[in-house]
PDB file of N, CA and C in Angstrom:
ATOM      1  N   MET A   1       4.309 -32.890 -14.985  1.00  0.00           N
ATOM      2  CA  MET A   1       3.573 -32.161 -16.013  1.00  0.00           C
ATOM      3  C   MET A   1       4.528 -31.169 -16.681  1.00  0.00           C
ATOM      4  N   ASN A   2       4.643 -31.251 -17.971  1.00  0.00           N
ATOM      5  CA  ASN A   2       5.525 -30.370 -18.722  1.00  0.00           C
ATOM      6  C   ASN A   2       4.727 -29.725 -19.852  1.00  0.00           C
ATOM      7  N   ASN A   3       4.190 -28.535 -19.584  1.00  0.00           N
ATOM      8  CA  ASN A   3       3.474 -27.785 -20.620  1.00  0.00           C
ATOM      9  C   ASN A   3       4.447 -26.812 -21.244  1.00  0.00           C
ATOM     10  N   GLU A   4       4.857 -27.105 -22.448  1.00  0.00           N
ATOM     11  CA  GLU A   4       5.849 -26.276 -23.121  1.00  0.00           C
ATOM     12  C   GLU A   4       5.217 -25.002 -23.652  1.00  0.00           C
ATOM     13  N   LEU A   5       5.910 -23.892 -23.437  1.00  0.00           N
ATOM     14  CA  LEU A   5       5.495 -22.595 -23.966  1.00  0.00           C
ATOM     15  C   LEU A   5       6.534 -22.122 -24.965  1.00  0.00           C
ATOM     16  N   LYS A   6       6.054 -21.590 -26.059  1.00  0.00           N
ATOM     17  CA  LYS A   6       6.951 -20.946 -27.004  1.00  0.00           C
ATOM     18  C   LYS A   6       6.626 -19.465 -26.979  1.00  0.00           C
ATOM     19  N   ILE A   7       7.563 -18.668 -26.473  1.00  0.00           N
ATOM     20  CA  ILE A   7       7.391 -17.220 -26.389  1.00  0.00           C
ATOM     21  C   ILE A   7       8.348 -16.577 -27.380  1.00  0.00           C
ATOM     22  N   ILE A   8       7.790 -15.753 -28.244  1.00  0.00           N
ATOM     23  CA  ILE A   8       8.598 -15.019 -29.218  1.00  0.00           C
ATOM     24  C   ILE A   8       8.450 -13.535 -28.903  1.00  0.00           C
ATOM     25  N   LEU A   9       9.576 -12.845 -28.770  1.00  0.00           N
ATOM     26  CA  LEU A   9       9.604 -11.392 -28.617  1.00  0.00           C
ATOM     27  C   LEU A   9      10.131 -10.832 -29.933  1.00  0.00           C
ATOM     28  N   HIS A  10       9.223 -10.316 -30.745  1.00  0.00           N
ATOM     29  CA  HIS A  10       9.569  -9.817 -32.086  1.00  0.00           C
ATOM     30  C   HIS A  10       9.668  -8.292 -32.040  1.00  0.00           C
ATOM     31  N   GLU A  11      10.886  -7.790 -32.112  1.00  0.00           N
ATOM     32  CA  GLU A  11      11.102  -6.343 -32.079  1.00  0.00           C
ATOM     33  C   GLU A  11      11.009  -5.778 -33.484  1.00  0.00           C
ATOM     34  N   TYR A  12      10.425  -4.584 -33.575  1.00  0.00           N
ATOM     35  CA  TYR A  12      10.288  -3.942 -34.882  1.00  0.00           C
ATOM     36  C   TYR A  12      10.605  -2.451 -34.775  1.00  0.00           C
ATOM     37  N   SER A  13      10.986  -1.890 -35.897  1.00  0.00           N
ATOM     38  CA  SER A  13      11.249  -0.458 -35.993  1.00  0.00           C
ATOM     39  C   SER A  13      10.959  -0.037 -37.425  1.00  0.00           C
ATOM     40  N   TYR A  14      10.105   0.960 -37.574  1.00  0.00           N
ATOM     41  CA  TYR A  14       9.749   1.473 -38.896  1.00  0.00           C
ATOM     42  C   TYR A  14       9.934   2.987 -38.909  1.00  0.00           C
ATOM     43  N   LYS A  15      10.451   3.500 -40.005  1.00  0.00           N
ATOM     44  CA  LYS A  15      10.550   4.944 -40.217  1.00  0.00           C
ATOM     45  C   LYS A  15       9.624   5.327 -41.353  1.00  0.00           C
ATOM     46  N   CYS A  16       8.984   6.498 -41.204  1.00  0.00           N
ATOM     47  CA  CYS A  16       8.130   6.954 -42.299  1.00  0.00           C
ATOM     48  C   CYS A  16       9.006   7.372 -43.482  1.00  0.00           C
ATOM     49  N   ALA A  17       8.387   7.540 -44.612  1.00  0.00           N
ATOM     50  CA  ALA A  17       9.121   7.776 -45.860  1.00  0.00           C
ATOM     51  C   ALA A  17      10.028   8.994 -45.807  1.00  0.00           C
ATOM     52  N   ASP A  18       9.591  10.072 -45.135  1.00  0.00           N
ATOM     53  CA  ASP A  18      10.436  11.267 -45.105  1.00  0.00           C
ATOM     54  C   ASP A  18      11.387  11.285 -43.908  1.00  0.00           C
ATOM     55  N   GLY A  19      11.364  10.222 -43.095  1.00  0.00           N
ATOM     56  CA  GLY A  19      12.320  10.089 -42.004  1.00  0.00           C
ATOM     57  C   GLY A  19      12.014  10.920 -40.764  1.00  0.00           C
ATOM     58  N   CYS A  20      10.848  11.544 -40.708  1.00  0.00           N
ATOM     59  CA  CYS A  20      10.556  12.437 -39.587  1.00  0.00           C
ATOM     60  C   CYS A  20       9.985  11.707 -38.369  1.00  0.00           C
ATOM     61  N   CYS A  21       9.600  10.440 -38.512  1.00  0.00           N
ATOM     62  CA  CYS A  21       8.994   9.748 -37.373  1.00  0.00           C
ATOM     63  C   CYS A  21       9.458   8.296 -37.310  1.00  0.00           C
ATOM     64  N   ASP A  22       9.420   7.754 -36.106  1.00  0.00           N
ATOM     65  CA  ASP A  22       9.787   6.363 -35.835  1.00  0.00           C
ATOM     66  C   ASP A  22       8.625   5.659 -35.152  1.00  0.00           C
ATOM     67  N   ASN A  23       8.434   4.411 -35.478  1.00  0.00           N
ATOM     68  CA  ASN A  23       7.482   3.570 -34.775  1.00  0.00           C
ATOM     69  C   ASN A  23       8.229   2.298 -34.410  1.00  0.00           C
ATOM     70  N   TYR A  24       8.256   1.961 -33.129  1.00  0.00           N
ATOM     71  CA  TYR A  24       9.004   0.779 -32.705  1.00  0.00           C
ATOM     72  C   TYR A  24       8.308   0.137 -31.529  1.00  0.00           C
ATOM     73  N   GLY A  25       8.640  -1.115 -31.289  1.00  0.00           N
ATOM     74  CA  GLY A  25       8.065  -1.833 -30.167  1.00  0.00           C
ATOM     75  C   GLY A  25       8.451  -3.292 -30.206  1.00  0.00           C
ATOM     76  N   THR A  26       7.802  -4.069 -29.373  1.00  0.00           N
ATOM     77  CA  THR A  26       8.027  -5.509 -29.313  1.00  0.00           C
ATOM     78  C   THR A  26       6.672  -6.199 -29.321  1.00  0.00           C
ATOM     79  N   ILE A  27       6.494  -7.101 -30.256  1.00  0.00           N
ATOM     80  CA  ILE A  27       5.287  -7.914 -30.311  1.00  0.00           C
ATOM     81  C   ILE A  27       5.588  -9.210 -29.565  1.00  0.00           C
ATOM     82  N   THR A  28       4.713  -9.564 -28.633  1.00  0.00           N
ATOM     83  CA  THR A  28       4.893 -10.782 -27.848  1.00  0.00           C
ATOM     84  C   THR A  28       3.914 -11.840 -28.350  1.00  0.00           C
ATOM     85  N   TYR A  29       4.450 -13.011 -28.681  1.00  0.00           N
ATOM     86  CA  TYR A  29       3.639 -14.151 -29.089  1.00  0.00           C
ATOM     87  C   TYR A  29       3.822 -15.262 -28.061  1.00  0.00           C
ATOM     88  N   VAL A  30       2.717 -15.877 -27.639  1.00  0.00           N
ATOM     89  CA  VAL A  30       2.766 -17.062 -26.782  1.00  0.00           C
ATOM     90  C   VAL A  30       2.053 -18.183 -27.532  1.00  0.00           C
ATOM     91  N   ASN A  31       2.812 -19.214 -27.863  1.00  0.00           N
ATOM     92  CA  ASN A  31       2.278 -20.344 -28.642  1.00  0.00           C
ATOM     93  C   ASN A  31       1.514 -19.864 -29.878  1.00  0.00           C
ATOM     94  N   GLY A  32       2.082 -18.876 -30.551  1.00  0.00           N
ATOM     95  CA  GLY A  32       1.513 -18.380 -31.802  1.00  0.00           C
ATOM     96  C   GLY A  32       0.441 -17.315 -31.647  1.00  0.00           C
ATOM     97  N   VAL A  33       0.050 -16.975 -30.414  1.00  0.00           N
ATOM     98  CA  VAL A  33      -0.973 -15.959 -30.180  1.00  0.00           C
ATOM     99  C   VAL A  33      -0.306 -14.602 -29.988  1.00  0.00           C
ATOM    100  N   ASP A  34      -0.715 -13.628 -30.784  1.00  0.00           N
ATOM    101  CA  ASP A  34      -0.204 -12.259 -30.715  1.00  0.00           C
ATOM    102  C   ASP A  34      -0.891 -11.552 -29.543  1.00  0.00           C
ATOM    103  N   LEU A  35      -0.119 -11.193 -28.504  1.00  0.00           N
ATOM    104  CA  LEU A  35      -0.689 -10.529 -27.345  1.00  0.00           C
ATOM    105  C   LEU A  35      -0.877  -9.041 -27.640  1.00  0.00           C
ATOM    106  N   PRO A  36      -1.800  -8.360 -26.923  1.00  0.00           N
ATOM    107  CA  PRO A  36      -2.264  -7.033 -27.348  1.00  0.00           C
ATOM    108  C   PRO A  36      -1.285  -5.872 -27.197  1.00  0.00           C
ATOM    109  N   PHE A  37      -0.389  -5.891 -26.222  1.00  0.00           N
ATOM    110  CA  PHE A  37       0.472  -4.722 -26.019  1.00  0.00           C
ATOM    111  C   PHE A  37       1.752  -4.868 -26.822  1.00  0.00           C
ATOM    112  N   HIS A  38       1.949  -3.975 -27.780  1.00  0.00           N
ATOM    113  CA  HIS A  38       3.140  -4.003 -28.636  1.00  0.00           C
ATOM    114  C   HIS A  38       4.047  -2.860 -28.219  1.00  0.00           C
ATOM    115  N   ASP A  39       4.775  -3.051 -27.158  1.00  0.00           N
ATOM    116  CA  ASP A  39       5.715  -2.032 -26.715  1.00  0.00           C
ATOM    117  C   ASP A  39       6.950  -2.715 -26.144  1.00  0.00           C
ATOM    118  N   GLN A  40       7.868  -1.937 -25.611  1.00  0.00           N
ATOM    119  CA  GLN A  40       9.114  -2.502 -25.096  1.00  0.00           C
ATOM    120  C   GLN A  40       9.175  -2.454 -23.580  1.00  0.00           C
ATOM    121  N   ASP A  41       8.064  -2.217 -22.926  1.00  0.00           N
ATOM    122  CA  ASP A  41       8.012  -2.141 -21.481  1.00  0.00           C
ATOM    123  C   ASP A  41       8.022  -3.560 -20.903  1.00  0.00           C
ATOM    124  N   ALA A  42       9.072  -3.895 -20.152  1.00  0.00           N
ATOM    125  CA  ALA A  42       9.208  -5.243 -19.591  1.00  0.00           C
ATOM    126  C   ALA A  42       8.028  -5.595 -18.694  1.00  0.00           C
ATOM    127  N   ASP A  43       7.490  -4.610 -17.957  1.00  0.00           N
ATOM    128  CA  ASP A  43       6.317  -4.862 -17.109  1.00  0.00           C
ATOM    129  C   ASP A  43       5.137  -5.343 -17.943  1.00  0.00           C
ATOM    130  N   ASN A  44       4.840  -4.644 -19.028  1.00  0.00           N
ATOM    131  CA  ASN A  44       3.712  -5.033 -19.882  1.00  0.00           C
ATOM    132  C   ASN A  44       3.927  -6.396 -20.512  1.00  0.00           C
ATOM    133  N   ILE A  45       5.136  -6.657 -20.966  1.00  0.00           N
ATOM    134  CA  ILE A  45       5.424  -7.949 -21.594  1.00  0.00           C
ATOM    135  C   ILE A  45       5.226  -9.074 -20.592  1.00  0.00           C
ATOM    136  N   LEU A  46       5.826  -8.956 -19.412  1.00  0.00           N
ATOM    137  CA  LEU A  46       5.716  -9.991 -18.390  1.00  0.00           C
ATOM    138  C   LEU A  46       4.271 -10.159 -17.928  1.00  0.00           C
ATOM    139  N   LYS A  47       3.599  -9.047 -17.656  1.00  0.00           N
ATOM    140  CA  LYS A  47       2.225  -9.099 -17.154  1.00  0.00           C
ATOM    141  C   LYS A  47       1.283  -9.748 -18.162  1.00  0.00           C
ATOM    142  N   GLN A  48       1.385  -9.371 -19.434  1.00  0.00           N
ATOM    143  CA  GLN A  48       0.454  -9.935 -20.400  1.00  0.00           C
ATOM    144  C   GLN A  48       0.707 -11.418 -20.641  1.00  0.00           C
ATOM    145  N   VAL A  49       1.952 -11.871 -20.552  1.00  0.00           N
ATOM    146  CA  VAL A  49       2.230 -13.303 -20.688  1.00  0.00           C
ATOM    147  C   VAL A  49       1.600 -14.068 -19.524  1.00  0.00           C
ATOM    148  N   LEU A  50       1.826 -13.579 -18.297  1.00  0.00           N
ATOM    149  CA  LEU A  50       1.282 -14.275 -17.136  1.00  0.00           C
ATOM    150  C   LEU A  50      -0.248 -14.233 -17.106  1.00  0.00           C
ATOM    151  N   GLU A  51      -0.846 -13.107 -17.496  1.00  0.00           N
ATOM    152  CA  GLU A  51      -2.312 -13.035 -17.551  1.00  0.00           C
ATOM    153  C   GLU A  51      -2.866 -13.959 -18.626  1.00  0.00           C
ATOM    154  N   TYR A  52      -2.181 -14.055 -19.751  1.00  0.00           N
ATOM    155  CA  TYR A  52      -2.593 -14.987 -20.801  1.00  0.00           C
ATOM    156  C   TYR A  52      -2.617 -16.419 -20.266  1.00  0.00           C
ATOM    157  N   LEU A  53      -1.689 -16.726 -19.353  1.00  0.00           N
ATOM    158  CA  LEU A  53      -1.608 -18.059 -18.762  1.00  0.00           C
ATOM    159  C   LEU A  53      -2.584 -18.250 -17.609  1.00  0.00           C
ATOM    160  N   GLY A  54      -3.359 -17.193 -17.287  1.00  0.00           N
ATOM    161  CA  GLY A  54      -4.406 -17.330 -16.293  1.00  0.00           C
ATOM    162  C   GLY A  54      -4.075 -16.827 -14.903  1.00  0.00           C
ATOM    163  N   TYR A  55      -2.965 -16.137 -14.737  1.00  0.00           N
ATOM    164  CA  TYR A  55      -2.581 -15.622 -13.429  1.00  0.00           C
ATOM    165  C   TYR A  55      -3.135 -14.220 -13.200  1.00  0.00           C
ATOM    166  N   ASP A  56      -3.481 -13.925 -11.960  1.00  0.00           N
ATOM    167  CA  ASP A  56      -3.831 -12.569 -11.539  1.00  0.00           C
ATOM    168  C   ASP A  56      -2.513 -11.915 -11.143  1.00  0.00           C
ATOM    169  N   VAL A  57      -2.112 -10.853 -11.826  1.00  0.00           N
ATOM    170  CA  VAL A  57      -0.745 -10.334 -11.709  1.00  0.00           C
ATOM    171  C   VAL A  57      -0.705  -8.923 -11.149  1.00  0.00           C
ATOM    172  N   THR A  58       0.171  -8.723 -10.182  1.00  0.00           N
ATOM    173  CA  THR A  58       0.542  -7.396  -9.704  1.00  0.00           C
ATOM    174  C   THR A  58       2.061  -7.336  -9.746  1.00  0.00           C
ATOM    175  N   ILE A  59       2.584  -6.313 -10.387  1.00  0.00           N
ATOM    176  CA  ILE A  59       4.039  -6.145 -10.458  1.00  0.00           C
ATOM    177  C   ILE A  59       4.410  -4.926  -9.629  1.00  0.00           C
ATOM    178  N   GLU A  60       5.328  -5.113  -8.715  1.00  0.00           N
ATOM    179  CA  GLU A  60       5.813  -4.022  -7.880  1.00  0.00           C
ATOM    180  C   GLU A  60       7.297  -3.818  -8.146  1.00  0.00           C
ATOM    181  N   HIS A  61       7.733  -2.591  -7.998  1.00  0.00           N
ATOM    182  CA  HIS A  61       9.147  -2.252  -8.162  1.00  0.00           C
ATOM    183  C   HIS A  61       9.741  -1.870  -6.814  1.00  0.00           C
ATOM    184  N   SER A  62      10.985  -2.181  -6.621  1.00  0.00           N
ATOM    185  CA  SER A  62      11.709  -1.698  -5.456  1.00  0.00           C
ATOM    186  C   SER A  62      13.115  -1.299  -5.905  1.00  0.00           C
ATOM    187  N   TRP A  63      13.694  -0.379  -5.192  1.00  0.00           N
ATOM    188  CA  TRP A  63      15.020   0.115  -5.543  1.00  0.00           C
ATOM    189  C   TRP A  63      15.893   0.119  -4.300  1.00  0.00           C
ATOM    190  N   ASP A  64      17.153  -0.120  -4.510  1.00  0.00           N
ATOM    191  CA  ASP A  64      18.149  -0.036  -3.449  1.00  0.00           C
ATOM    192  C   ASP A  64      19.042   1.134  -3.804  1.00  0.00           C
ATOM    193  N   ILE A  65      18.687   2.291  -3.305  1.00  0.00           N
ATOM    194  CA  ILE A  65      19.436   3.508  -3.614  1.00  0.00           C
ATOM    195  C   ILE A  65      20.329   3.839  -2.422  1.00  0.00           C
ATOM    196  N   ARG A  66      21.579   3.973  -2.683  1.00  0.00           N
ATOM    197  CA  ARG A  66      22.532   4.279  -1.594  1.00  0.00           C
ATOM    198  C   ARG A  66      23.285   5.541  -1.898  1.00  0.00           C
TER     199      ARG A  66
END
């Protein structure tokens, strides 16, 4: 079984006319569907893709600090 996925990570950055503010993020598309979280957080991007595909997702972090 080969279900092909097309994932597009579209990064954007906009400045207001007077240059005092920035708006930026990443829009994630899966097979043409715009997913709801438009940010650059890898956790959100990964989680929303997997949830869109029907998975129950928990993401945990671990660190090796020496």
